[in-house]
């Protein structure tokens, strides 16, 4: 933790501001990152939901019109569903959880950023 305080003091000296100001800026940035991650996650979840609805409607319509064999078409439906629904949905959930953690405890992420910058784990 001493290294972290030294880093903050050095950074503050280079910028010509107080160390408290630098830490405050890092906390605000962690909060802003949390908001951004949450918004991005929500957008990806919406993409997943919309893609799922579109794929489901198209599949039902095509199956009703052609009465094709599901053995051949099922692979492409599953592949399309997986790529356009599951992947964005999973990324969206991950981004939202990271964003919420940043919103709840921005101080932790500010300290984590400092430690990552100076090479500590």
PDB file of N, CA and C in Angstrom:
ATOM      1  N   UNK A   1       0.818  -1.188   0.000  1.00  0.00           N
ATOM      2  CA  UNK A   1       0.000   0.000   0.000  1.00  0.00           C
ATOM      3  C   UNK A   1       0.866   1.258   0.000  1.00  0.00           C
ATOM      4  N   UNK A   2       2.071   1.145   0.551  1.00  0.00           N
ATOM      5  CA  UNK A   2       2.977   2.296   0.538  1.00  0.00           C
ATOM      6  C   UNK A   2       3.350   2.679  -0.885  1.00  0.00           C
ATOM      7  N   UNK A   3       3.524   1.659  -1.745  1.00  0.00           N
ATOM      8  CA  UNK A   3       3.834   1.942  -3.142  1.00  0.00           C
ATOM      9  C   UNK A   3       2.691   2.706  -3.798  1.00  0.00           C
ATOM     10  N   UNK A   4       1.480   2.329  -3.453  1.00  0.00           N
ATOM     11  CA  UNK A   4       0.315   3.004  -4.028  1.00  0.00           C
ATOM     12  C   UNK A   4       0.287   4.470  -3.618  1.00  0.00           C
ATOM     13  N   UNK A   5       0.553   4.733  -2.353  1.00  0.00           N
ATOM     14  CA  UNK A   5       0.562   6.123  -1.885  1.00  0.00           C
ATOM     15  C   UNK A   5       1.697   6.909  -2.532  1.00  0.00           C
ATOM     16  N   UNK A   6       2.854   6.258  -2.700  1.00  0.00           N
ATOM     17  CA  UNK A   6       3.971   6.924  -3.386  1.00  0.00           C
ATOM     18  C   UNK A   6       3.584   7.264  -4.818  1.00  0.00           C
ATOM     19  N   UNK A   7       2.917   6.315  -5.482  1.00  0.00           N
ATOM     20  CA  UNK A   7       2.506   6.540  -6.863  1.00  0.00           C
ATOM     21  C   UNK A   7       1.541   7.717  -6.952  1.00  0.00           C
ATOM     22  N   UNK A   8       0.567   7.764  -6.046  1.00  0.00           N
ATOM     23  CA  UNK A   8      -0.394   8.874  -6.047  1.00  0.00           C
ATOM     24  C   UNK A   8       0.323  10.198  -5.809  1.00  0.00           C
ATOM     25  N   UNK A   9       1.264  10.212  -4.867  1.00  0.00           N
ATOM     26  CA  UNK A   9       2.005  11.444  -4.581  1.00  0.00           C
ATOM     27  C   UNK A   9       2.836  11.885  -5.778  1.00  0.00           C
ATOM     28  N   UNK A  10       3.503  10.930  -6.453  1.00  0.00           N
ATOM     29  CA  UNK A  10       4.308  11.268  -7.632  1.00  0.00           C
ATOM     30  C   UNK A  10       3.424  11.793  -8.758  1.00  0.00           C
ATOM     31  N   UNK A  11       2.302  11.113  -8.965  1.00  0.00           N
ATOM     32  CA  UNK A  11       1.388  11.553 -10.010  1.00  0.00           C
ATOM     33  C   UNK A  11       0.842  12.942  -9.701  1.00  0.00           C
ATOM     34  N   UNK A  12       0.505  13.173  -8.449  1.00  0.00           N
ATOM     35  CA  UNK A  12       0.000  14.487  -8.047  1.00  0.00           C
ATOM     36  C   UNK A  12       1.067  15.555  -8.223  1.00  0.00           C
ATOM     37  N   UNK A  13       2.323  15.227  -7.896  1.00  0.00           N
ATOM     38  CA  UNK A  13       3.405  16.194  -8.049  1.00  0.00           C
ATOM     39  C   UNK A  13       3.608  16.551  -9.519  1.00  0.00           C
ATOM     40  N   UNK A  14       3.533  15.543 -10.399  1.00  0.00           N
ATOM     41  CA  UNK A  14       3.700  15.802 -11.830  1.00  0.00           C
ATOM     42  C   UNK A  14       2.567  16.672 -12.370  1.00  0.00           C
ATOM     43  N   UNK A  15       1.374  16.437 -11.863  1.00  0.00           N
ATOM     44  CA  UNK A  15       0.226  17.208 -12.339  1.00  0.00           C
ATOM     45  C   UNK A  15       0.096  18.555 -11.643  1.00  0.00           C
ATOM     46  N   UNK A  16       0.782  18.707 -10.534  1.00  0.00           N
ATOM     47  CA  UNK A  16       0.712  19.957  -9.791  1.00  0.00           C
ATOM     48  C   UNK A  16      -0.568  20.106  -8.987  1.00  0.00           C
ATOM     49  N   UNK A  17      -1.130  18.993  -8.558  1.00  0.00           N
ATOM     50  CA  UNK A  17      -2.354  19.027  -7.753  1.00  0.00           C
ATOM     51  C   UNK A  17      -2.142  18.196  -6.493  1.00  0.00           C
ATOM     52  N   UNK A  18      -3.094  18.235  -5.597  1.00  0.00           N
ATOM     53  CA  UNK A  18      -3.005  17.466  -4.359  1.00  0.00           C
ATOM     54  C   UNK A  18      -3.325  15.999  -4.631  1.00  0.00           C
ATOM     55  N   UNK A  19      -2.737  15.122  -3.814  1.00  0.00           N
ATOM     56  CA  UNK A  19      -2.950  13.684  -3.976  1.00  0.00           C
ATOM     57  C   UNK A  19      -4.421  13.319  -3.783  1.00  0.00           C
ATOM     58  N   UNK A  20      -5.102  14.032  -2.907  1.00  0.00           N
ATOM     59  CA  UNK A  20      -6.526  13.768  -2.698  1.00  0.00           C
ATOM     60  C   UNK A  20      -7.325  14.016  -3.976  1.00  0.00           C
ATOM     61  N   UNK A  21      -6.912  15.034  -4.717  1.00  0.00           N
ATOM     62  CA  UNK A  21      -7.597  15.348  -5.971  1.00  0.00           C
ATOM     63  C   UNK A  21      -7.408  14.213  -6.977  1.00  0.00           C
ATOM     64  N   UNK A  22      -6.190  13.677  -7.067  1.00  0.00           N
ATOM     65  CA  UNK A  22      -5.915  12.579  -7.999  1.00  0.00           C
ATOM     66  C   UNK A  22      -6.770  11.372  -7.640  1.00  0.00           C
ATOM     67  N   UNK A  23      -6.815  11.036  -6.362  1.00  0.00           N
ATOM     68  CA  UNK A  23      -7.612   9.894  -5.923  1.00  0.00           C
ATOM     69  C   UNK A  23      -9.098  10.129  -6.214  1.00  0.00           C
ATOM     70  N   UNK A  24      -9.561  11.348  -5.999  1.00  0.00           N
ATOM     71  CA  UNK A  24     -10.958  11.676  -6.291  1.00  0.00           C
ATOM     72  C   UNK A  24     -11.286  11.521  -7.763  1.00  0.00           C
ATOM     73  N   UNK A  25     -10.354  11.924  -8.609  1.00  0.00           N
ATOM     74  CA  UNK A  25     -10.550  11.784 -10.050  1.00  0.00           C
ATOM     75  C   UNK A  25     -10.614  10.305 -10.431  1.00  0.00           C
ATOM     76  N   UNK A  26      -9.747   9.497  -9.839  1.00  0.00           N
ATOM     77  CA  UNK A  26      -9.756   8.065 -10.132  1.00  0.00           C
ATOM     78  C   UNK A  26     -11.059   7.412  -9.678  1.00  0.00           C
ATOM     79  N   UNK A  27     -11.587   7.834  -8.550  1.00  0.00           N
ATOM     80  CA  UNK A  27     -12.863   7.290  -8.070  1.00  0.00           C
ATOM     81  C   UNK A  27     -13.991   7.686  -9.022  1.00  0.00           C
ATOM     82  N   UNK A  28     -14.003   8.943  -9.462  1.00  0.00           N
ATOM     83  CA  UNK A  28     -15.029   9.390 -10.403  1.00  0.00           C
ATOM     84  C   UNK A  28     -14.921   8.634 -11.724  1.00  0.00           C
ATOM     85  N   UNK A  29     -13.691   8.379 -12.164  1.00  0.00           N
ATOM     86  CA  UNK A  29     -13.494   7.636 -13.405  1.00  0.00           C
ATOM     87  C   UNK A  29     -13.975   6.195 -13.262  1.00  0.00           C
ATOM     88  N   UNK A  30     -13.742   5.587 -12.105  1.00  0.00           N
ATOM     89  CA  UNK A  30     -14.224   4.221 -11.866  1.00  0.00           C
ATOM     90  C   UNK A  30     -15.753   4.189 -11.901  1.00  0.00           C
ATOM     91  N   UNK A  31     -16.392   5.197 -11.338  1.00  0.00           N
ATOM     92  CA  UNK A  31     -17.855   5.284 -11.366  1.00  0.00           C
ATOM     93  C   UNK A  31     -18.353   5.465 -12.804  1.00  0.00           C
ATOM     94  N   UNK A  32     -17.683   6.342 -13.554  1.00  0.00           N
ATOM     95  CA  UNK A  32     -18.072   6.575 -14.947  1.00  0.00           C
ATOM     96  C   UNK A  32     -17.901   5.307 -15.779  1.00  0.00           C
ATOM     97  N   UNK A  33     -16.849   4.567 -15.515  1.00  0.00           N
ATOM     98  CA  UNK A  33     -16.637   3.303 -16.212  1.00  0.00           C
ATOM     99  C   UNK A  33     -17.748   2.316 -15.871  1.00  0.00           C
ATOM    100  N   UNK A  34     -18.176   2.310 -14.620  1.00  0.00           N
ATOM    101  CA  UNK A  34     -19.288   1.455 -14.222  1.00  0.00           C
ATOM    102  C   UNK A  34     -20.574   1.795 -14.952  1.00  0.00           C
ATOM    103  N   UNK A  35     -20.851   3.079 -15.091  1.00  0.00           N
ATOM    104  CA  UNK A  35     -22.043   3.512 -15.823  1.00  0.00           C
ATOM    105  C   UNK A  35     -21.944   3.082 -17.285  1.00  0.00           C
ATOM    106  N   UNK A  36     -20.792   3.311 -17.893  1.00  0.00           N
ATOM    107  CA  UNK A  36     -20.589   2.948 -19.292  1.00  0.00           C
ATOM    108  C   UNK A  36     -20.731   1.446 -19.498  1.00  0.00           C
ATOM    109  N   UNK A  37     -20.115   0.652 -18.628  1.00  0.00           N
ATOM    110  CA  UNK A  37     -20.219  -0.802 -18.744  1.00  0.00           C
ATOM    111  C   UNK A  37     -21.664  -1.264 -18.610  1.00  0.00           C
ATOM    112  N   UNK A  38     -22.400  -0.654 -17.706  1.00  0.00           N
ATOM    113  CA  UNK A  38     -23.806  -1.031 -17.524  1.00  0.00           C
ATOM    114  C   UNK A  38     -24.630  -0.713 -18.770  1.00  0.00           C
ATOM    115  N   UNK A  39     -24.391   0.437 -19.359  1.00  0.00           N
ATOM    116  CA  UNK A  39     -25.128   0.822 -20.568  1.00  0.00           C
ATOM    117  C   UNK A  39     -24.782  -0.104 -21.726  1.00  0.00           C
ATOM    118  N   UNK A  40     -23.501  -0.389 -21.898  1.00  0.00           N
ATOM    119  CA  UNK A  40     -23.079  -1.293 -22.970  1.00  0.00           C
ATOM    120  C   UNK A  40     -23.681  -2.680 -22.765  1.00  0.00           C
ATOM    121  N   UNK A  41     -23.669  -3.151 -21.533  1.00  0.00           N
ATOM    122  CA  UNK A  41     -24.266  -4.451 -21.242  1.00  0.00           C
ATOM    123  C   UNK A  41     -25.750  -4.486 -21.560  1.00  0.00           C
ATOM    124  N   UNK A  42     -26.460  -3.415 -21.207  1.00  0.00           N
ATOM    125  CA  UNK A  42     -27.889  -3.335 -21.502  1.00  0.00           C
ATOM    126  C   UNK A  42     -28.132  -3.349 -23.008  1.00  0.00           C
ATOM    127  N   UNK A  43     -27.314  -2.633 -23.766  1.00  0.00           N
ATOM    128  CA  UNK A  43     -27.461  -2.611 -25.224  1.00  0.00           C
ATOM    129  C   UNK A  43     -27.259  -4.011 -25.795  1.00  0.00           C
ATOM    130  N   UNK A  44     -26.234  -4.724 -25.323  1.00  0.00           N
ATOM    131  CA  UNK A  44     -25.996  -6.075 -25.819  1.00  0.00           C
ATOM    132  C   UNK A  44     -27.130  -7.023 -25.435  1.00  0.00           C
ATOM    133  N   UNK A  45     -27.696  -6.861 -24.252  1.00  0.00           N
ATOM    134  CA  UNK A  45     -28.849  -7.686 -23.880  1.00  0.00           C
ATOM    135  C   UNK A  45     -30.044  -7.394 -24.779  1.00  0.00           C
ATOM    136  N   UNK A  46     -30.250  -6.134 -25.113  1.00  0.00           N
ATOM    137  CA  UNK A  46     -31.353  -5.786 -26.010  1.00  0.00           C
ATOM    138  C   UNK A  46     -31.123  -6.368 -27.406  1.00  0.00           C
ATOM    139  N   UNK A  47     -29.882  -6.336 -27.870  1.00  0.00           N
ATOM    140  CA  UNK A  47     -29.560  -6.950 -29.164  1.00  0.00           C
ATOM    141  C   UNK A  47     -29.882  -8.437 -29.122  1.00  0.00           C
ATOM    142  N   UNK A  48     -29.525  -9.097 -28.037  1.00  0.00           N
ATOM    143  CA  UNK A  48     -29.784 -10.529 -27.906  1.00  0.00           C
ATOM    144  C   UNK A  48     -31.281 -10.820 -27.910  1.00  0.00           C
ATOM    145  N   UNK A  49     -32.057 -10.027 -27.196  1.00  0.00           N
ATOM    146  CA  UNK A  49     -33.509 -10.249 -27.137  1.00  0.00           C
ATOM    147  C   UNK A  49     -34.145 -10.010 -28.505  1.00  0.00           C
ATOM    148  N   UNK A  50     -33.777  -8.926 -29.155  1.00  0.00           N
ATOM    149  CA  UNK A  50     -34.344  -8.615 -30.466  1.00  0.00           C
ATOM    150  C   UNK A  50     -33.960  -9.681 -31.484  1.00  0.00           C
ATOM    151  N   UNK A  51     -32.699 -10.101 -31.475  1.00  0.00           N
ATOM    152  CA  UNK A  51     -32.261 -11.152 -32.398  1.00  0.00           C
ATOM    153  C   UNK A  51     -33.003 -12.457 -32.119  1.00  0.00           C
ATOM    154  N   UNK A  52     -33.210 -12.774 -30.859  1.00  0.00           N
ATOM    155  CA  UNK A  52     -33.940 -13.994 -30.515  1.00  0.00           C
ATOM    156  C   UNK A  52     -35.367 -13.974 -31.025  1.00  0.00           C
ATOM    157  N   UNK A  53     -36.034 -12.844 -30.881  1.00  0.00           N
ATOM    158  CA  UNK A  53     -37.413 -12.720 -31.362  1.00  0.00           C
ATOM    159  C   UNK A  53     -37.458 -12.835 -32.880  1.00  0.00           C
ATOM    160  N   UNK A  54     -36.554 -12.156 -33.564  1.00  0.00           N
ATOM    161  CA  UNK A  54     -36.534 -12.195 -35.030  1.00  0.00           C
ATOM    162  C   UNK A  54     -36.247 -13.606 -35.528  1.00  0.00           C
ATOM    163  N   UNK A  55     -35.255 -14.266 -34.954  1.00  0.00           N
ATOM    164  CA  UNK A  55     -34.904 -15.624 -35.385  1.00  0.00           C
ATOM    165  C   UNK A  55     -36.059 -16.584 -35.129  1.00  0.00           C
ATOM    166  N   UNK A  56     -36.705 -16.456 -33.982  1.00  0.00           N
ATOM    167  CA  UNK A  56     -37.829 -17.340 -33.671  1.00  0.00           C
ATOM    168  C   UNK A  56     -38.974 -17.142 -34.658  1.00  0.00           C
ATOM    169  N   UNK A  57     -39.324 -15.890 -34.941  1.00  0.00           N
ATOM    170  CA  UNK A  57     -40.410 -15.621 -35.885  1.00  0.00           C
ATOM    171  C   UNK A  57     -40.074 -16.128 -37.287  1.00  0.00           C
ATOM    172  N   UNK A  58     -38.839 -15.896 -37.732  1.00  0.00           N
ATOM    173  CA  UNK A  58     -38.439 -16.352 -39.062  1.00  0.00           C
ATOM    174  C   UNK A  58     -38.444 -17.875 -39.146  1.00  0.00           C
ATOM    175  N   UNK A  59     -37.982 -18.535 -38.110  1.00  0.00           N
ATOM    176  CA  UNK A  59     -37.929 -19.995 -38.118  1.00  0.00           C
ATOM    177  C   UNK A  59     -39.329 -20.590 -38.158  1.00  0.00           C
ATOM    178  N   UNK A  60     -40.226 -20.056 -37.356  1.00  0.00           N
ATOM    179  CA  UNK A  60     -41.604 -20.557 -37.344  1.00  0.00           C
ATOM    180  C   UNK A  60     -42.275 -20.312 -38.692  1.00  0.00           C
ATOM    181  N   UNK A  61     -42.046 -19.137 -39.267  1.00  0.00           N
ATOM    182  CA  UNK A  61     -42.640 -18.816 -40.565  1.00  0.00           C
ATOM    183  C   UNK A  61     -42.102 -19.736 -41.655  1.00  0.00           C
ATOM    184  N   UNK A  62     -40.796 -19.937 -41.699  1.00  0.00           N
ATOM    185  CA  UNK A  62     -40.204 -20.786 -42.733  1.00  0.00           C
ATOM    186  C   UNK A  62     -40.630 -22.238 -42.559  1.00  0.00           C
ATOM    187  N   UNK A  63     -40.707 -22.701 -41.339  1.00  0.00           N
ATOM    188  CA  UNK A  63     -41.113 -24.083 -41.110  1.00  0.00           C
ATOM    189  C   UNK A  63     -42.571 -24.288 -41.509  1.00  0.00           C
ATOM    190  N   UNK A  64     -43.409 -23.296 -41.246  1.00  0.00           N
ATOM    191  CA  UNK A  64     -44.818 -23.401 -41.621  1.00  0.00           C
ATOM    192  C   UNK A  64     -45.021 -23.376 -43.122  1.00  0.00           C
ATOM    193  N   UNK A  65     -44.184 -22.644 -43.842  1.00  0.00           N
ATOM    194  CA  UNK A  65     -44.323 -22.535 -45.296  1.00  0.00           C
ATOM    195  C   UNK A  65     -43.782 -23.760 -46.014  1.00  0.00           C
ATOM    196  N   UNK A  66     -42.644 -24.265 -45.575  1.00  0.00           N
ATOM    197  CA  UNK A  66     -41.954 -25.295 -46.345  1.00  0.00           C
ATOM    198  C   UNK A  66     -42.074 -26.691 -45.753  1.00  0.00           C
ATOM    199  N   UNK A  67     -42.373 -26.796 -44.485  1.00  0.00           N
ATOM    200  CA  UNK A  67     -42.415 -28.091 -43.795  1.00  0.00           C
ATOM    201  C   UNK A  67     -41.149 -28.897 -44.064  1.00  0.00           C
ATOM    202  N   UNK A  68     -40.021 -28.233 -43.943  1.00  0.00           N
ATOM    203  CA  UNK A  68     -38.740 -28.890 -44.204  1.00  0.00           C
ATOM    204  C   UNK A  68     -38.375 -29.834 -43.063  1.00  0.00           C
ATOM    205  N   UNK A  69     -37.373 -30.617 -43.340  1.00  0.00           N
ATOM    206  CA  UNK A  69     -36.879 -31.575 -42.362  1.00  0.00           C
ATOM    207  C   UNK A  69     -36.029 -30.837 -41.332  1.00  0.00           C
ATOM    208  N   UNK A  70     -36.390 -30.937 -40.064  1.00  0.00           N
ATOM    209  CA  UNK A  70     -35.674 -30.234 -39.005  1.00  0.00           C
ATOM    210  C   UNK A  70     -34.263 -30.765 -38.814  1.00  0.00           C
ATOM    211  N   UNK A  71     -33.991 -31.980 -39.246  1.00  0.00           N
ATOM    212  CA  UNK A  71     -32.643 -32.533 -39.077  1.00  0.00           C
ATOM    213  C   UNK A  71     -31.614 -31.699 -39.826  1.00  0.00           C
ATOM    214  N   UNK A  72     -31.969 -31.209 -40.990  1.00  0.00           N
ATOM    215  CA  UNK A  72     -31.038 -30.414 -41.780  1.00  0.00           C
ATOM    216  C   UNK A  72     -31.026 -28.946 -41.357  1.00  0.00           C
ATOM    217  N   UNK A  73     -32.178 -28.414 -41.066  1.00  0.00           N
ATOM    218  CA  UNK A  73     -32.259 -26.994 -40.742  1.00  0.00           C
ATOM    219  C   UNK A  73     -31.905 -26.685 -39.296  1.00  0.00           C
ATOM    220  N   UNK A  74     -32.018 -27.634 -38.421  1.00  0.00           N
ATOM    221  CA  UNK A  74     -31.799 -27.381 -37.000  1.00  0.00           C
ATOM    222  C   UNK A  74     -30.384 -26.881 -36.731  1.00  0.00           C
ATOM    223  N   UNK A  75     -29.384 -27.396 -37.438  1.00  0.00           N
ATOM    224  CA  UNK A  75     -27.999 -26.963 -37.234  1.00  0.00           C
ATOM    225  C   UNK A  75     -27.860 -25.472 -37.502  1.00  0.00           C
ATOM    226  N   UNK A  76     -28.415 -25.001 -38.592  1.00  0.00           N
ATOM    227  CA  UNK A  76     -28.278 -23.588 -38.950  1.00  0.00           C
ATOM    228  C   UNK A  76     -29.069 -22.681 -38.003  1.00  0.00           C
ATOM    229  N   UNK A  77     -30.215 -23.157 -37.567  1.00  0.00           N
ATOM    230  CA  UNK A  77     -30.998 -22.381 -36.602  1.00  0.00           C
ATOM    231  C   UNK A  77     -30.238 -22.281 -35.286  1.00  0.00           C
ATOM    232  N   UNK A  78     -29.702 -23.396 -34.823  1.00  0.00           N
ATOM    233  CA  UNK A  78     -28.950 -23.399 -33.565  1.00  0.00           C
ATOM    234  C   UNK A  78     -27.689 -22.551 -33.673  1.00  0.00           C
ATOM    235  N   UNK A  79     -27.002 -22.633 -34.804  1.00  0.00           N
ATOM    236  CA  UNK A  79     -25.795 -21.838 -35.008  1.00  0.00           C
ATOM    237  C   UNK A  79     -26.127 -20.345 -35.032  1.00  0.00           C
ATOM    238  N   UNK A  80     -27.147 -19.977 -35.771  1.00  0.00           N
ATOM    239  CA  UNK A  80     -27.551 -18.573 -35.837  1.00  0.00           C
ATOM    240  C   UNK A  80     -28.006 -18.070 -34.478  1.00  0.00           C
ATOM    241  N   UNK A  81     -28.791 -18.894 -33.788  1.00  0.00           N
ATOM    242  CA  UNK A  81     -29.272 -18.516 -32.460  1.00  0.00           C
ATOM    243  C   UNK A  81     -28.100 -18.337 -31.502  1.00  0.00           C
ATOM    244  N   UNK A  82     -27.147 -19.249 -31.559  1.00  0.00           N
ATOM    245  CA  UNK A  82     -25.993 -19.167 -30.664  1.00  0.00           C
ATOM    246  C   UNK A  82     -25.142 -17.939 -30.908  1.00  0.00           C
ATOM    247  N   UNK A  83     -24.903 -17.642 -32.174  1.00  0.00           N
ATOM    248  CA  UNK A  83     -24.036 -16.507 -32.493  1.00  0.00           C
ATOM    249  C   UNK A  83     -24.715 -15.162 -32.264  1.00  0.00           C
ATOM    250  N   UNK A  84     -26.002 -15.094 -32.525  1.00  0.00           N
ATOM    251  CA  UNK A  84     -26.651 -13.787 -32.444  1.00  0.00           C
ATOM    252  C   UNK A  84     -27.455 -13.552 -31.168  1.00  0.00           C
ATOM    253  N   UNK A  85     -27.605 -14.573 -30.334  1.00  0.00           N
ATOM    254  CA  UNK A  85     -28.363 -14.402 -29.098  1.00  0.00           C
ATOM    255  C   UNK A  85     -27.514 -14.729 -27.878  1.00  0.00           C
ATOM    256  N   UNK A  86     -26.918 -15.899 -27.865  1.00  0.00           N
ATOM    257  CA  UNK A  86     -26.196 -16.344 -26.673  1.00  0.00           C
ATOM    258  C   UNK A  86     -24.924 -15.525 -26.447  1.00  0.00           C
ATOM    259  N   UNK A  87     -24.148 -15.289 -27.488  1.00  0.00           N
ATOM    260  CA  UNK A  87     -22.903 -14.523 -27.312  1.00  0.00           C
ATOM    261  C   UNK A  87     -23.158 -13.081 -26.856  1.00  0.00           C
ATOM    262  N   UNK A  88     -24.013 -12.318 -27.545  1.00  0.00           N
ATOM    263  CA  UNK A  88     -24.274 -10.961 -27.032  1.00  0.00           C
ATOM    264  C   UNK A  88     -24.944 -10.967 -25.663  1.00  0.00           C
ATOM    265  N   UNK A  89     -25.801 -11.946 -25.424  1.00  0.00           N
ATOM    266  CA  UNK A  89     -26.451 -12.031 -24.118  1.00  0.00           C
ATOM    267  C   UNK A  89     -25.453 -12.292 -23.008  1.00  0.00           C
ATOM    268  N   UNK A  90     -24.530 -13.211 -23.250  1.00  0.00           N
ATOM    269  CA  UNK A  90     -23.499 -13.502 -22.252  1.00  0.00           C
ATOM    270  C   UNK A  90     -22.591 -12.315 -22.009  1.00  0.00           C
ATOM    271  N   UNK A  91     -22.180 -11.652 -23.084  1.00  0.00           N
ATOM    272  CA  UNK A  91     -21.341 -10.466 -22.929  1.00  0.00           C
ATOM    273  C   UNK A  91     -22.099  -9.353 -22.216  1.00  0.00           C
ATOM    274  N   UNK A  92     -23.375  -9.217 -22.536  1.00  0.00           N
ATOM    275  CA  UNK A  92     -24.181  -8.186 -21.885  1.00  0.00           C
ATOM    276  C   UNK A  92     -24.307  -8.408 -20.390  1.00  0.00           C
ATOM    277  N   UNK A  93     -24.535  -9.652 -19.993  1.00  0.00           N
ATOM    278  CA  UNK A  93     -24.636  -9.962 -18.567  1.00  0.00           C
ATOM    279  C   UNK A  93     -23.311  -9.694 -17.870  1.00  0.00           C
ATOM    280  N   UNK A  94     -22.212 -10.089 -18.508  1.00  0.00           N
ATOM    281  CA  UNK A  94     -20.890  -9.846 -17.923  1.00  0.00           C
ATOM    282  C   UNK A  94     -20.631  -8.343 -17.768  1.00  0.00           C
ATOM    283  N   UNK A  95     -20.931  -7.574 -18.811  1.00  0.00           N
ATOM    284  CA  UNK A  95     -20.683  -6.128 -18.763  1.00  0.00           C
ATOM    285  C   UNK A  95     -21.553  -5.450 -17.707  1.00  0.00           C
ATOM    286  N   UNK A  96     -22.784  -5.890 -17.576  1.00  0.00           N
ATOM    287  CA  UNK A  96     -23.662  -5.295 -16.562  1.00  0.00           C
ATOM    288  C   UNK A  96     -23.146  -5.596 -15.165  1.00  0.00           C
ATOM    289  N   UNK A  97     -22.710  -6.834 -14.919  1.00  0.00           N
ATOM    290  CA  UNK A  97     -22.204  -7.162 -13.582  1.00  0.00           C
ATOM    291  C   UNK A  97     -20.947  -6.367 -13.260  1.00  0.00           C
ATOM    292  N   UNK A  98     -20.058  -6.207 -14.230  1.00  0.00           N
ATOM    293  CA  UNK A  98     -18.860  -5.393 -14.000  1.00  0.00           C
ATOM    294  C   UNK A  98     -19.235  -3.935 -13.760  1.00  0.00           C
ATOM    295  N   UNK A  99     -20.204  -3.444 -14.507  1.00  0.00           N
ATOM    296  CA  UNK A  99     -20.650  -2.068 -14.325  1.00  0.00           C
ATOM    297  C   UNK A  99     -21.279  -1.828 -12.967  1.00  0.00           C
ATOM    298  N   UNK A 100     -22.098  -2.766 -12.523  1.00  0.00           N
ATOM    299  CA  UNK A 100     -22.739  -2.622 -11.214  1.00  0.00           C
ATOM    300  C   UNK A 100     -21.700  -2.654 -10.101  1.00  0.00           C
ATOM    301  N   UNK A 101     -20.708  -3.523 -10.243  1.00  0.00           N
ATOM    302  CA  UNK A 101     -19.647  -3.558  -9.226  1.00  0.00           C
ATOM    303  C   UNK A 101     -18.908  -2.227  -9.180  1.00  0.00           C
ATOM    304  N   UNK A 102     -18.672  -1.618 -10.341  1.00  0.00           N
ATOM    305  CA  UNK A 102     -18.020  -0.316 -10.375  1.00  0.00           C
ATOM    306  C   UNK A 102     -18.877   0.795  -9.794  1.00  0.00           C
ATOM    307  N   UNK A 103     -20.186   0.663  -9.924  1.00  0.00           N
ATOM    308  CA  UNK A 103     -21.089   1.665  -9.356  1.00  0.00           C
ATOM    309  C   UNK A 103     -21.204   1.528  -7.843  1.00  0.00           C
ATOM    310  N   UNK A 104     -21.188   0.302  -7.367  1.00  0.00           N
ATOM    311  CA  UNK A 104     -21.339   0.069  -5.931  1.00  0.00           C
ATOM    312  C   UNK A 104     -20.081   0.450  -5.162  1.00  0.00           C
ATOM    313  N   UNK A 105     -18.918   0.112  -5.702  1.00  0.00           N
ATOM    314  CA  UNK A 105     -17.668   0.329  -4.968  1.00  0.00           C
ATOM    315  C   UNK A 105     -16.588   0.919  -5.879  1.00  0.00           C
ATOM    316  N   UNK A 106     -16.715   2.181  -6.276  1.00  0.00           N
ATOM    317  CA  UNK A 106     -15.718   2.759  -7.178  1.00  0.00           C
ATOM    318  C   UNK A 106     -14.346   2.929  -6.529  1.00  0.00           C
ATOM    319  N   UNK A 107     -14.304   3.046  -5.199  1.00  0.00           N
ATOM    320  CA  UNK A 107     -13.016   3.204  -4.518  1.00  0.00           C
ATOM    321  C   UNK A 107     -12.129   1.982  -4.740  1.00  0.00           C
ATOM    322  N   UNK A 108     -12.733   0.801  -4.703  1.00  0.00           N
ATOM    323  CA  UNK A 108     -11.972  -0.431  -4.928  1.00  0.00           C
ATOM    324  C   UNK A 108     -11.327  -0.413  -6.306  1.00  0.00           C
ATOM    325  N   UNK A 109     -12.088  -0.022  -7.318  1.00  0.00           N
ATOM    326  CA  UNK A 109     -11.554  -0.026  -8.672  1.00  0.00           C
ATOM    327  C   UNK A 109     -10.525   1.077  -8.883  1.00  0.00           C
ATOM    328  N   UNK A 110     -10.635   2.177  -8.144  1.00  0.00           N
ATOM    329  CA  UNK A 110      -9.606   3.219  -8.207  1.00  0.00           C
ATOM    330  C   UNK A 110      -8.300   2.695  -7.624  1.00  0.00           C
ATOM    331  N   UNK A 111      -8.385   2.035  -6.471  1.00  0.00           N
ATOM    332  CA  UNK A 111      -7.177   1.465  -5.855  1.00  0.00           C
ATOM    333  C   UNK A 111      -6.615   0.353  -6.728  1.00  0.00           C
ATOM    334  N   UNK A 112      -7.501  -0.458  -7.304  1.00  0.00           N
ATOM    335  CA  UNK A 112      -7.052  -1.545  -8.182  1.00  0.00           C
ATOM    336  C   UNK A 112      -6.308  -0.985  -9.392  1.00  0.00           C
ATOM    337  N   UNK A 113      -6.799   0.108  -9.938  1.00  0.00           N
ATOM    338  CA  UNK A 113      -6.124   0.728 -11.082  1.00  0.00           C
ATOM    339  C   UNK A 113      -4.737   1.229 -10.692  1.00  0.00           C
ATOM    340  N   UNK A 114      -4.639   1.815  -9.520  1.00  0.00           N
ATOM    341  CA  UNK A 114      -3.334   2.293  -9.044  1.00  0.00           C
ATOM    342  C   UNK A 114      -2.374   1.124  -8.885  1.00  0.00           C
ATOM    343  N   UNK A 115      -2.843   0.052  -8.251  1.00  0.00           N
ATOM    344  CA  UNK A 115      -1.980  -1.111  -8.037  1.00  0.00           C
ATOM    345  C   UNK A 115      -1.594  -1.777  -9.349  1.00  0.00           C
ATOM    346  N   UNK A 116      -2.519  -1.844 -10.294  1.00  0.00           N
ATOM    347  CA  UNK A 116      -2.191  -2.408 -11.605  1.00  0.00           C
ATOM    348  C   UNK A 116      -1.165  -1.550 -12.330  1.00  0.00           C
ATOM    349  N   UNK A 117      -1.258  -0.244 -12.154  1.00  0.00           N
ATOM    350  CA  UNK A 117      -0.322   0.664 -12.819  1.00  0.00           C
ATOM    351  C   UNK A 117       1.091   0.520 -12.273  1.00  0.00           C
ATOM    352  N   UNK A 118       1.203   0.339 -10.958  1.00  0.00           N
ATOM    353  CA  UNK A 118       2.548   0.226 -10.377  1.00  0.00           C
ATOM    354  C   UNK A 118       3.050  -1.210 -10.381  1.00  0.00           C
ATOM    355  N   UNK A 119       2.232  -2.139 -10.872  1.00  0.00           N
ATOM    356  CA  UNK A 119       2.696  -3.514 -11.020  1.00  0.00           C
ATOM    357  C   UNK A 119       2.354  -4.427  -9.873  1.00  0.00           C
ATOM    358  N   UNK A 120       1.603  -3.981  -8.909  1.00  0.00           N
ATOM    359  CA  UNK A 120       1.205  -4.833  -7.793  1.00  0.00           C
ATOM    360  C   UNK A 120      -0.043  -5.603  -8.127  1.00  0.00           C
ATOM    361  N   UNK A 121      -0.228  -6.698  -7.445  1.00  0.00           N
ATOM    362  CA  UNK A 121      -1.427  -7.521  -7.676  1.00  0.00           C
ATOM    363  C   UNK A 121      -2.341  -7.446  -6.486  1.00  0.00           C
TER     364      UNK A 121
END
